[in-house]
Amino acid sequence: MYSTTVLNVDSSQLCAQLVGRLLPYIKCTSCDQYPVLKKLVVAAVEDRSPPLTPLHPLSHIPGGPHLLSMDGHRDRVSCVSTVLVKGGGVSQEGMSLVIMTGSWDKTLKSWDLGTSGVLKTFDGHSDRVLSLALSANGTYAVSGSDDKSVRYWSVASAECVHVMRGHTAAVTAVAVTRDGSNTISASSDATVKFPWYTDLHPSRPQRPVLAAVLRGSSLAVGTSNGKISLLHIVSGQVMRAVQGHDRAVTALATEEVEGHCHLVSGSAGGEVKVLDFSNLTSSIL
């Protein structure tokens, strides 16, 4: 499926795709019965001699971790959101995966896993899309942008159903409560809003917020000075704050392991740390 997708977009990739499919013959000792193929691949990969010269030397081998490639955005993909919903599309045990992406090309896209193609393109933002979150049922999405706005989208129709303005700088993180009734947004203007039209006081982080993740009634936010804070979304109080990294916290995610919730953070310095979500202490998976 991957080769077909690539060649549909760029037919000049034929040589690279052919070599990628033949790469196993280099390492497979039982494939000595195909000396011509082996010689051809060695020449193409090591000597880069014609007639087959890969344009991209890291061709994907079937059976590897790379399952498919989806092309459609015209600029950097800045955010991805997924959710499992009942029925529809490519499903497993009655569930299907909804995938949406946001890009610096100012659009969002939903994707068809069956064809690796674009299902819908969501136009509306006037600047780079920086953050994205899907509702738990996959029916709507929320996006934040460099244009300082937060937009609600119908996933089915790709229509923008609501625009919220109030941040004075880029909206760097968005999250949707589990029941879908409220949205949280964080911004480079150093504010976090929940409900959207209300600043979380007295928890204003004082530094640009670059990442946020919601779990239950607790919101973890990461700021440009490397701090990670745990906020209560009802009272707005800071329940815990730690110096998580030496440089800006750029990504946050949660994962539950054996009934215990972990917070995973990434920084501009290349660090990845795992913390206990409830108290932000170091945790080892």
Protein backbone atom coordinates (compact mmCIF):
# COMPACT_ATOMS: atom_id res chain seq x y z
CA MET A 1 0.00 0.00 0.00
CA TYR A 2 2.85 2.36 0.85
CA SER A 3 4.52 2.08 -2.60
CA THR A 4 1.22 2.66 -4.38
CA THR A 5 0.56 5.77 -2.31
CA VAL A 6 4.00 7.20 -3.01
CA LEU A 7 3.94 6.47 -6.74
CA ASN A 8 0.50 8.03 -7.10
CA VAL A 9 2.00 11.25 -5.79
CA ASP A 10 5.48 11.06 -7.35
CA SER A 11 6.16 8.53 -10.11
CA SER A 12 9.89 9.36 -10.03
CA GLN A 13 10.09 7.33 -6.80
CA LEU A 14 9.73 4.04 -8.73
CA CYS A 15 13.43 3.17 -8.44
CA ALA A 16 13.56 3.88 -4.72
CA GLN A 17 10.43 1.82 -4.09
CA LEU A 18 11.75 -1.13 -6.11
CA VAL A 19 15.04 -1.11 -4.25
CA GLY A 20 13.19 -0.90 -0.93
CA ARG A 21 11.26 -4.06 -1.77
CA LEU A 22 14.47 -5.86 -2.77
CA LEU A 23 16.59 -4.82 0.21
CA PRO A 24 15.95 -8.09 2.16
CA TYR A 25 17.98 -9.95 -0.48
CA ILE A 26 21.17 -8.29 0.79
CA LYS A 27 20.94 -9.83 4.27
CA CYS A 28 19.02 -13.00 3.51
CA THR A 29 21.53 -15.88 3.21
CA SER A 30 18.86 -18.21 1.87
CA CYS A 31 18.32 -15.87 -1.05
CA ASP A 32 21.63 -16.65 -2.75
CA GLN A 33 19.59 -18.40 -5.40
CA TYR A 34 18.83 -14.90 -6.71
CA PRO A 35 22.35 -13.60 -7.40
CA VAL A 36 21.22 -11.19 -10.11
CA LEU A 37 18.75 -9.45 -7.80
CA LYS A 38 21.28 -9.35 -4.97
CA LYS A 39 23.94 -7.84 -7.23
CA LEU A 40 21.47 -5.26 -8.52
CA VAL A 41 20.45 -4.12 -5.04
CA VAL A 42 24.04 -3.96 -3.78
CA ALA A 43 24.98 -1.83 -6.78
CA ALA A 44 22.04 0.50 -6.31
CA VAL A 45 22.42 0.94 -2.55
CA GLU A 46 26.20 0.90 -2.08
CA ASP A 47 27.50 2.20 -5.41
CA ARG A 48 24.42 4.27 -6.31
CA SER A 49 25.00 3.27 -9.91
CA PRO A 50 22.27 3.26 -12.57
CA PRO A 51 19.81 2.04 -13.57
CA LEU A 52 18.29 2.00 -10.05
CA THR A 53 19.47 4.83 -7.81
CA PRO A 54 17.30 5.57 -4.74
CA LEU A 55 16.30 9.19 -4.30
CA HIS A 56 15.83 8.45 -0.59
CA PRO A 57 18.25 5.78 0.74
CA LEU A 58 16.12 4.88 3.78
CA SER A 59 13.52 2.89 1.85
CA HIS A 60 10.99 1.02 3.96
CA ILE A 61 11.11 -2.78 4.04
CA PRO A 62 7.79 -4.70 4.11
CA GLY A 63 7.07 -6.09 7.56
CA GLY A 64 8.84 -3.25 9.33
CA PRO A 65 7.30 -0.81 11.81
CA HIS A 66 6.23 1.63 9.09
CA LEU A 67 2.66 0.73 8.11
CA LEU A 68 1.61 3.48 5.73
CA SER A 69 2.29 7.04 4.65
CA MET A 70 -0.32 9.75 4.26
CA ASP A 71 0.49 12.81 2.17
CA GLY A 72 -1.59 15.93 1.72
CA HIS A 73 -0.32 18.85 3.79
CA ARG A 74 1.76 21.52 2.05
CA ASP A 75 3.84 22.44 5.12
CA ARG A 76 5.00 21.07 8.47
CA VAL A 77 2.55 18.85 10.37
CA SER A 78 2.42 20.40 13.85
CA CYS A 79 -0.18 18.34 15.70
CA VAL A 80 -1.99 15.00 15.56
CA SER A 81 -5.07 13.76 17.40
CA THR A 82 -6.64 10.30 17.37
CA VAL A 83 -9.62 8.64 19.02
CA LEU A 84 -11.24 5.20 18.84
CA VAL A 85 -14.97 5.29 18.08
CA LYS A 86 -17.61 2.66 17.44
CA GLY A 87 -18.16 1.48 13.88
CA GLY A 88 -17.33 3.01 10.52
CA GLY A 89 -14.15 3.14 8.45
CA VAL A 90 -11.33 0.69 8.99
CA SER A 91 -12.49 -1.08 12.13
CA GLN A 92 -11.31 -3.74 14.53
CA GLU A 93 -13.75 -5.45 16.87
CA GLY A 94 -16.38 -2.84 16.06
CA MET A 95 -14.05 0.11 16.69
CA SER A 96 -12.49 2.48 14.18
CA LEU A 97 -9.70 5.00 14.46
CA VAL A 98 -10.32 8.67 13.69
CA ILE A 99 -7.12 10.50 12.73
CA MET A 100 -6.79 14.25 12.30
CA THR A 101 -3.75 16.44 11.74
CA GLY A 102 -3.00 20.15 11.86
CA SER A 103 -0.36 21.93 9.84
CA TRP A 104 1.56 25.13 9.28
CA ASP A 105 -0.31 25.27 5.94
CA LYS A 106 -3.23 26.67 8.04
CA THR A 107 -5.44 23.60 7.53
CA LEU A 108 -6.57 20.51 9.37
CA LYS A 109 -7.16 17.19 7.65
CA SER A 110 -8.93 13.94 8.48
CA TRP A 111 -7.59 10.73 6.97
CA ASP A 112 -8.89 7.47 5.50
CA LEU A 113 -6.75 4.56 6.76
CA GLY A 114 -8.08 2.30 4.02
CA THR A 115 -6.74 4.41 1.15
CA SER A 116 -4.16 6.54 3.04
CA GLY A 117 -5.92 9.52 1.47
CA VAL A 118 -7.45 12.73 2.79
CA LEU A 119 -11.08 12.45 3.85
CA LYS A 120 -11.73 16.11 4.61
CA THR A 121 -9.78 19.37 4.60
CA PHE A 122 -10.71 21.92 7.27
CA ASP A 123 -10.11 25.52 6.15
CA GLY A 124 -10.61 28.56 8.35
CA HIS A 125 -7.50 29.51 10.29
CA SER A 126 -5.56 32.47 8.91
CA ASP A 127 -2.23 31.33 10.34
CA ARG A 128 -0.39 28.15 11.34
CA VAL A 129 -2.39 25.46 13.20
CA LEU A 130 -0.47 24.62 16.38
CA SER A 131 -2.79 22.47 18.50
CA LEU A 132 -5.60 19.99 18.03
CA ALA A 133 -7.89 17.80 20.11
CA LEU A 134 -10.72 15.43 19.18
CA SER A 135 -13.77 14.88 21.35
CA ALA A 136 -14.08 11.45 22.95
CA ASN A 137 -16.82 10.41 20.51
CA GLY A 138 -14.93 11.73 17.48
CA THR A 139 -17.75 13.98 16.33
CA TYR A 140 -15.99 17.31 16.71
CA ALA A 141 -12.48 18.71 16.91
CA VAL A 142 -10.97 21.78 18.53
CA SER A 143 -7.95 23.57 17.11
CA GLY A 144 -5.67 26.41 18.20
CA SER A 145 -3.62 28.59 15.92
CA ASP A 146 -1.02 31.29 15.56
CA ASP A 147 -3.96 33.49 14.56
CA LYS A 148 -4.87 33.55 18.32
CA SER A 149 -8.22 31.82 17.80
CA VAL A 150 -9.78 28.55 18.94
CA ARG A 151 -12.09 26.86 16.46
CA TYR A 152 -14.68 24.10 16.83
CA TRP A 153 -15.12 21.80 13.82
CA SER A 154 -17.66 19.19 12.77
CA VAL A 155 -15.56 16.16 11.85
CA ALA A 156 -18.26 14.81 9.52
CA SER A 157 -18.74 17.99 7.49
CA ALA A 158 -15.38 19.77 8.00
CA GLU A 159 -17.34 22.92 8.81
CA CYS A 160 -16.22 25.38 11.47
CA VAL A 161 -19.19 25.66 13.81
CA HIS A 162 -17.75 28.16 16.29
CA VAL A 163 -14.81 30.55 16.62
CA MET A 164 -13.57 31.84 19.96
CA ARG A 165 -11.21 34.78 20.28
CA GLY A 166 -9.65 36.12 23.43
CA HIS A 167 -6.06 35.02 23.59
CA THR A 168 -3.55 37.71 22.70
CA ALA A 169 -0.92 35.31 21.33
CA ALA A 170 -0.65 31.91 19.66
CA VAL A 171 -2.89 29.13 21.05
CA THR A 172 -0.33 26.41 21.71
CA ALA A 173 -2.44 23.71 23.37
CA VAL A 174 -6.10 22.67 23.49
CA ALA A 175 -7.94 19.90 25.33
CA VAL A 176 -11.53 18.68 25.57
CA THR A 177 -13.11 17.38 28.78
CA ARG A 178 -14.09 13.73 28.75
CA ASP A 179 -17.82 14.49 28.56
CA GLY A 180 -17.19 16.97 25.74
CA SER A 181 -18.89 19.82 27.57
CA ASN A 182 -15.89 22.14 27.88
CA THR A 183 -12.66 23.10 26.16
CA ILE A 184 -9.39 24.20 27.69
CA SER A 185 -6.87 26.28 25.80
CA ALA A 186 -3.36 27.45 26.64
CA SER A 187 -1.41 30.19 24.97
CA SER A 188 1.92 31.94 24.56
CA ASP A 189 0.21 34.90 26.23
CA ALA A 190 0.71 32.97 29.52
CA THR A 191 -2.99 32.28 30.09
CA VAL A 192 -5.00 29.10 30.41
CA LYS A 193 -8.75 29.36 29.81
CA PHE A 194 -11.40 27.06 31.30
CA PRO A 195 -14.28 27.38 30.75
CA TRP A 196 -12.87 28.85 27.58
CA TYR A 197 -13.95 32.41 28.27
CA THR A 198 -12.53 32.44 31.83
CA ASP A 199 -8.84 32.64 32.79
CA LEU A 200 -7.74 30.09 35.38
CA HIS A 201 -6.89 32.37 38.30
CA PRO A 202 -4.86 32.53 40.44
CA SER A 203 -3.01 29.91 38.44
CA ARG A 204 -1.76 32.14 35.65
CA PRO A 205 1.58 30.55 34.75
CA GLN A 206 3.37 33.90 34.05
CA ARG A 207 5.33 32.27 31.22
CA PRO A 208 4.19 31.18 27.73
CA VAL A 209 2.35 27.85 27.95
CA LEU A 210 3.57 25.49 25.23
CA ALA A 211 1.92 22.18 26.17
CA ALA A 212 -1.06 20.95 28.16
CA VAL A 213 -2.83 17.67 28.82
CA LEU A 214 -6.09 17.05 30.67
CA ARG A 215 -6.98 14.10 32.87
CA GLY A 216 -10.16 14.17 34.91
CA SER A 217 -10.32 17.45 36.81
CA SER A 218 -6.56 18.01 36.62
CA LEU A 219 -4.69 19.88 33.92
CA ALA A 220 -0.92 19.57 33.49
CA VAL A 221 0.72 22.51 31.72
CA GLY A 222 4.30 22.99 30.56
CA THR A 223 5.84 26.42 30.13
CA SER A 224 8.75 28.02 28.31
CA ASN A 225 10.91 28.10 31.46
CA GLY A 226 10.80 24.29 31.83
CA LYS A 227 8.22 24.18 34.63
CA ILE A 228 5.35 21.70 34.80
CA SER A 229 2.29 22.65 36.85
CA LEU A 230 -0.74 20.65 37.87
CA LEU A 231 -3.92 22.76 37.97
CA HIS A 232 -7.41 22.00 39.26
CA ILE A 233 -9.74 23.03 36.44
CA VAL A 234 -12.64 23.96 38.71
CA SER A 235 -10.85 26.11 41.28
CA GLY A 236 -7.91 27.11 39.10
CA GLN A 237 -5.55 26.42 41.97
CA VAL A 238 -2.02 25.16 41.37
CA MET A 239 -1.90 21.80 43.14
CA ARG A 240 1.73 21.10 42.37
CA ALA A 241 4.57 22.66 40.35
CA VAL A 242 8.04 21.34 39.60
CA GLN A 243 11.03 22.34 37.52
CA GLY A 244 10.62 19.53 35.03
CA HIS A 245 13.28 20.52 32.50
CA ASP A 246 16.08 23.01 32.03
CA ARG A 247 14.52 24.21 28.78
CA ALA A 248 11.00 24.79 27.49
CA VAL A 249 8.45 22.00 27.92
CA THR A 250 7.19 21.38 24.40
CA ALA A 251 5.04 18.24 24.74
CA LEU A 252 2.95 16.47 27.39
CA ALA A 253 1.03 13.19 27.30
CA THR A 254 -0.52 10.81 29.80
CA GLU A 255 -0.50 7.02 29.91
CA GLU A 256 -2.09 4.63 32.38
CA VAL A 257 -0.03 1.58 33.31
CA GLU A 258 -1.49 -1.03 35.65
CA GLY A 259 -4.01 1.47 37.00
CA HIS A 260 -1.42 4.16 37.63
CA CYS A 261 -1.28 7.36 35.58
CA HIS A 262 2.05 8.64 34.29
CA LEU A 263 2.83 12.02 32.76
CA VAL A 264 5.36 12.01 29.93
CA SER A 265 7.04 15.30 29.09
CA GLY A 266 9.36 16.37 26.28
CA SER A 267 11.53 19.47 26.16
CA ALA A 268 13.32 21.75 23.72
CA GLY A 269 16.56 20.29 25.06
CA GLY A 270 15.72 16.82 23.76
CA GLU A 271 14.84 15.33 27.16
CA VAL A 272 11.94 12.99 27.83
CA LYS A 273 10.83 12.44 31.43
CA VAL A 274 8.20 10.26 33.05
CA LEU A 275 6.48 11.61 36.17
CA ASP A 276 3.74 10.46 38.49
CA PHE A 277 0.72 12.44 37.27
CA SER A 278 -0.79 12.98 40.72
CA ASN A 279 2.22 14.59 42.39
CA LEU A 280 4.74 15.21 39.56
CA THR A 281 7.43 13.09 41.21
CA SER A 282 9.82 10.97 39.16
CA SER A 283 8.38 7.67 38.05
CA ILE A 284 9.89 4.66 36.30
CA LEU A 285 7.67 2.59 34.01
